[in-house]
């Protein structure tokens, strides 16, 4: 297993997902997503009324590649809840449609608007 300690990009990712309940590593910003997949997750989170921190990986190639290595997930966007990797667009959308996403937020004590 490769170590993620001492890697400045991994340290930053770890800090962000520790300091914020819900973090979305995405292309663009929550107000102006730069890809349809990022926009979909923003819409889902907004629909649920979940406060989240969006982190734009487009301006930082090191972060864009780093987040893929950190999670062992090949694509962006990536959603984290309480420090745990949830998934990308398809997983988040499917969890939303089945009600699993709201259950996850409820079980983690993350406020939803419903």
C-alpha atoms as a PDB file:
ATOM      1  CA  UNK A   1       0.000   0.000   0.000  1.00  0.00           C
ATOM      2  CA  UNK A   2       1.384   3.409  -0.912  1.00  0.00           C
ATOM      3  CA  UNK A   3       1.596   5.966   1.840  1.00  0.00           C
ATOM      4  CA  UNK A   4      -0.258   9.259   1.609  1.00  0.00           C
ATOM      5  CA  UNK A   5       1.645  10.858   4.478  1.00  0.00           C
ATOM      6  CA  UNK A   6       4.033  13.688   3.699  1.00  0.00           C
ATOM      7  CA  UNK A   7       2.478  14.442   0.307  1.00  0.00           C
ATOM      8  CA  UNK A   8       1.519  18.155   0.420  1.00  0.00           C
ATOM      9  CA  UNK A   9      -1.449  17.694  -1.942  1.00  0.00           C
ATOM     10  CA  UNK A  10      -2.759  14.745   0.092  1.00  0.00           C
ATOM     11  CA  UNK A  11      -2.206  16.736   3.285  1.00  0.00           C
ATOM     12  CA  UNK A  12      -4.322  19.567   1.872  1.00  0.00           C
ATOM     13  CA  UNK A  13      -7.082  17.160   0.785  1.00  0.00           C
ATOM     14  CA  UNK A  14      -7.033  15.519   4.212  1.00  0.00           C
ATOM     15  CA  UNK A  15      -7.272  18.968   5.850  1.00  0.00           C
ATOM     16  CA  UNK A  16     -10.218  20.037   3.679  1.00  0.00           C
ATOM     17  CA  UNK A  17     -12.210  16.851   4.322  1.00  0.00           C
ATOM     18  CA  UNK A  18     -11.438  17.085   8.052  1.00  0.00           C
ATOM     19  CA  UNK A  19     -12.352  20.778   8.388  1.00  0.00           C
ATOM     20  CA  UNK A  20     -15.582  20.622   6.343  1.00  0.00           C
ATOM     21  CA  UNK A  21     -18.505  18.229   6.812  1.00  0.00           C
ATOM     22  CA  UNK A  22     -19.242  17.997   3.087  1.00  0.00           C
ATOM     23  CA  UNK A  23     -16.626  18.656   0.400  1.00  0.00           C
ATOM     24  CA  UNK A  24     -17.015  18.445  -3.365  1.00  0.00           C
ATOM     25  CA  UNK A  25     -13.847  18.374  -5.440  1.00  0.00           C
ATOM     26  CA  UNK A  26     -15.195  19.606  -8.751  1.00  0.00           C
ATOM     27  CA  UNK A  27     -14.481  21.288 -12.057  1.00  0.00           C
ATOM     28  CA  UNK A  28     -15.481  24.914 -11.612  1.00  0.00           C
ATOM     29  CA  UNK A  29     -17.298  26.383  -8.637  1.00  0.00           C
ATOM     30  CA  UNK A  30     -20.726  25.670  -7.102  1.00  0.00           C
ATOM     31  CA  UNK A  31     -22.014  28.899  -8.675  1.00  0.00           C
ATOM     32  CA  UNK A  32     -20.409  28.188 -12.063  1.00  0.00           C
ATOM     33  CA  UNK A  33     -19.689  24.473 -12.597  1.00  0.00           C
ATOM     34  CA  UNK A  34     -17.425  23.754 -15.568  1.00  0.00           C
ATOM     35  CA  UNK A  35     -18.725  20.272 -16.370  1.00  0.00           C
ATOM     36  CA  UNK A  36     -22.105  18.574 -16.409  1.00  0.00           C
ATOM     37  CA  UNK A  37     -21.085  15.976 -13.831  1.00  0.00           C
ATOM     38  CA  UNK A  38     -20.022  18.630 -11.331  1.00  0.00           C
ATOM     39  CA  UNK A  39     -23.225  20.568 -12.054  1.00  0.00           C
ATOM     40  CA  UNK A  40     -25.320  17.454 -11.357  1.00  0.00           C
ATOM     41  CA  UNK A  41     -23.814  16.936  -7.894  1.00  0.00           C
ATOM     42  CA  UNK A  42     -24.181  20.657  -7.098  1.00  0.00           C
ATOM     43  CA  UNK A  43     -27.870  20.409  -8.091  1.00  0.00           C
ATOM     44  CA  UNK A  44     -28.398  17.321  -5.907  1.00  0.00           C
ATOM     45  CA  UNK A  45     -26.731  18.934  -2.873  1.00  0.00           C
ATOM     46  CA  UNK A  46     -28.622  22.182  -3.432  1.00  0.00           C
ATOM     47  CA  UNK A  47     -31.908  20.283  -3.779  1.00  0.00           C
ATOM     48  CA  UNK A  48     -31.250  18.599  -0.431  1.00  0.00           C
ATOM     49  CA  UNK A  49     -30.224  21.949   1.071  1.00  0.00           C
ATOM     50  CA  UNK A  50     -26.852  20.570   2.158  1.00  0.00           C
ATOM     51  CA  UNK A  51     -24.136  23.117   2.854  1.00  0.00           C
ATOM     52  CA  UNK A  52     -20.878  22.056   1.222  1.00  0.00           C
ATOM     53  CA  UNK A  53     -17.481  23.366   0.254  1.00  0.00           C
ATOM     54  CA  UNK A  54     -16.760  23.231  -3.471  1.00  0.00           C
ATOM     55  CA  UNK A  55     -13.089  23.030  -4.420  1.00  0.00           C
ATOM     56  CA  UNK A  56     -12.209  23.831  -8.039  1.00  0.00           C
ATOM     57  CA  UNK A  57      -9.532  21.450  -9.342  1.00  0.00           C
ATOM     58  CA  UNK A  58      -9.276  23.054 -12.794  1.00  0.00           C
ATOM     59  CA  UNK A  59      -6.811  25.752 -11.746  1.00  0.00           C
ATOM     60  CA  UNK A  60      -4.575  23.274  -9.942  1.00  0.00           C
ATOM     61  CA  UNK A  61      -3.453  20.280 -12.025  1.00  0.00           C
ATOM     62  CA  UNK A  62      -1.595  18.892  -9.006  1.00  0.00           C
ATOM     63  CA  UNK A  63      -4.773  18.916  -6.961  1.00  0.00           C
ATOM     64  CA  UNK A  64      -6.810  17.458  -9.833  1.00  0.00           C
ATOM     65  CA  UNK A  65      -4.443  14.495 -10.114  1.00  0.00           C
ATOM     66  CA  UNK A  66      -3.862  14.332  -6.356  1.00  0.00           C
ATOM     67  CA  UNK A  67      -7.529  13.926  -5.494  1.00  0.00           C
ATOM     68  CA  UNK A  68      -7.745  10.976  -7.905  1.00  0.00           C
ATOM     69  CA  UNK A  69      -4.788   9.305  -6.210  1.00  0.00           C
ATOM     70  CA  UNK A  70      -6.055  10.125  -2.720  1.00  0.00           C
ATOM     71  CA  UNK A  71      -9.386   8.376  -3.275  1.00  0.00           C
ATOM     72  CA  UNK A  72      -8.221   5.795  -5.826  1.00  0.00           C
ATOM     73  CA  UNK A  73     -11.076   7.094  -7.995  1.00  0.00           C
ATOM     74  CA  UNK A  74     -10.213   8.035 -11.602  1.00  0.00           C
ATOM     75  CA  UNK A  75     -12.589  10.962 -12.165  1.00  0.00           C
ATOM     76  CA  UNK A  76     -13.713  14.322 -10.821  1.00  0.00           C
ATOM     77  CA  UNK A  77     -16.121  15.348  -9.280  1.00  0.00           C
ATOM     78  CA  UNK A  78     -15.668  13.551  -5.976  1.00  0.00           C
ATOM     79  CA  UNK A  79     -17.910  13.944  -2.948  1.00  0.00           C
ATOM     80  CA  UNK A  80     -16.712  13.514   0.639  1.00  0.00           C
ATOM     81  CA  UNK A  81     -18.975  13.437   3.694  1.00  0.00           C
ATOM     82  CA  UNK A  82     -17.403  13.654   7.158  1.00  0.00           C
ATOM     83  CA  UNK A  83     -14.009  12.715   5.720  1.00  0.00           C
ATOM     84  CA  UNK A  84     -15.285   9.650   3.855  1.00  0.00           C
ATOM     85  CA  UNK A  85     -15.227   9.344   0.071  1.00  0.00           C
ATOM     86  CA  UNK A  86     -18.800   8.836  -1.184  1.00  0.00           C
ATOM     87  CA  UNK A  87     -18.278   8.703  -4.947  1.00  0.00           C
ATOM     88  CA  UNK A  88     -18.577  10.522  -8.235  1.00  0.00           C
ATOM     89  CA  UNK A  89     -21.535  11.762 -10.239  1.00  0.00           C
ATOM     90  CA  UNK A  90     -23.229   8.443 -11.117  1.00  0.00           C
ATOM     91  CA  UNK A  91     -22.979   7.080  -7.572  1.00  0.00           C
ATOM     92  CA  UNK A  92     -24.193  10.318  -5.973  1.00  0.00           C
ATOM     93  CA  UNK A  93     -27.083  10.633  -8.444  1.00  0.00           C
ATOM     94  CA  UNK A  94     -28.111   7.003  -7.871  1.00  0.00           C
ATOM     95  CA  UNK A  95     -27.892   7.423  -4.077  1.00  0.00           C
ATOM     96  CA  UNK A  96     -30.037  10.559  -4.356  1.00  0.00           C
ATOM     97  CA  UNK A  97     -32.669   8.793  -6.462  1.00  0.00           C
ATOM     98  CA  UNK A  98     -32.925   5.834  -4.044  1.00  0.00           C
ATOM     99  CA  UNK A  99     -32.934   8.024  -0.926  1.00  0.00           C
ATOM    100  CA  UNK A 100     -29.585   6.610   0.231  1.00  0.00           C
ATOM    101  CA  UNK A 101     -27.880   9.997   0.038  1.00  0.00           C
ATOM    102  CA  UNK A 102     -30.350  11.638   2.414  1.00  0.00           C
ATOM    103  CA  UNK A 103     -29.988   8.622   4.741  1.00  0.00           C
ATOM    104  CA  UNK A 104     -26.210   9.056   4.644  1.00  0.00           C
ATOM    105  CA  UNK A 105     -26.473  12.744   5.544  1.00  0.00           C
ATOM    106  CA  UNK A 106     -28.975  11.948   8.309  1.00  0.00           C
ATOM    107  CA  UNK A 107     -26.789   9.180   9.749  1.00  0.00           C
ATOM    108  CA  UNK A 108     -23.744  11.472   9.690  1.00  0.00           C
ATOM    109  CA  UNK A 109     -25.611  14.349  11.337  1.00  0.00           C
ATOM    110  CA  UNK A 110     -25.385  16.575   8.243  1.00  0.00           C
ATOM    111  CA  UNK A 111     -28.359  18.970   8.036  1.00  0.00           C
ATOM    112  CA  UNK A 112     -30.662  18.612   5.044  1.00  0.00           C
ATOM    113  CA  UNK A 113     -33.477  21.003   4.157  1.00  0.00           C
ATOM    114  CA  UNK A 114     -36.321  18.471   3.993  1.00  0.00           C
END
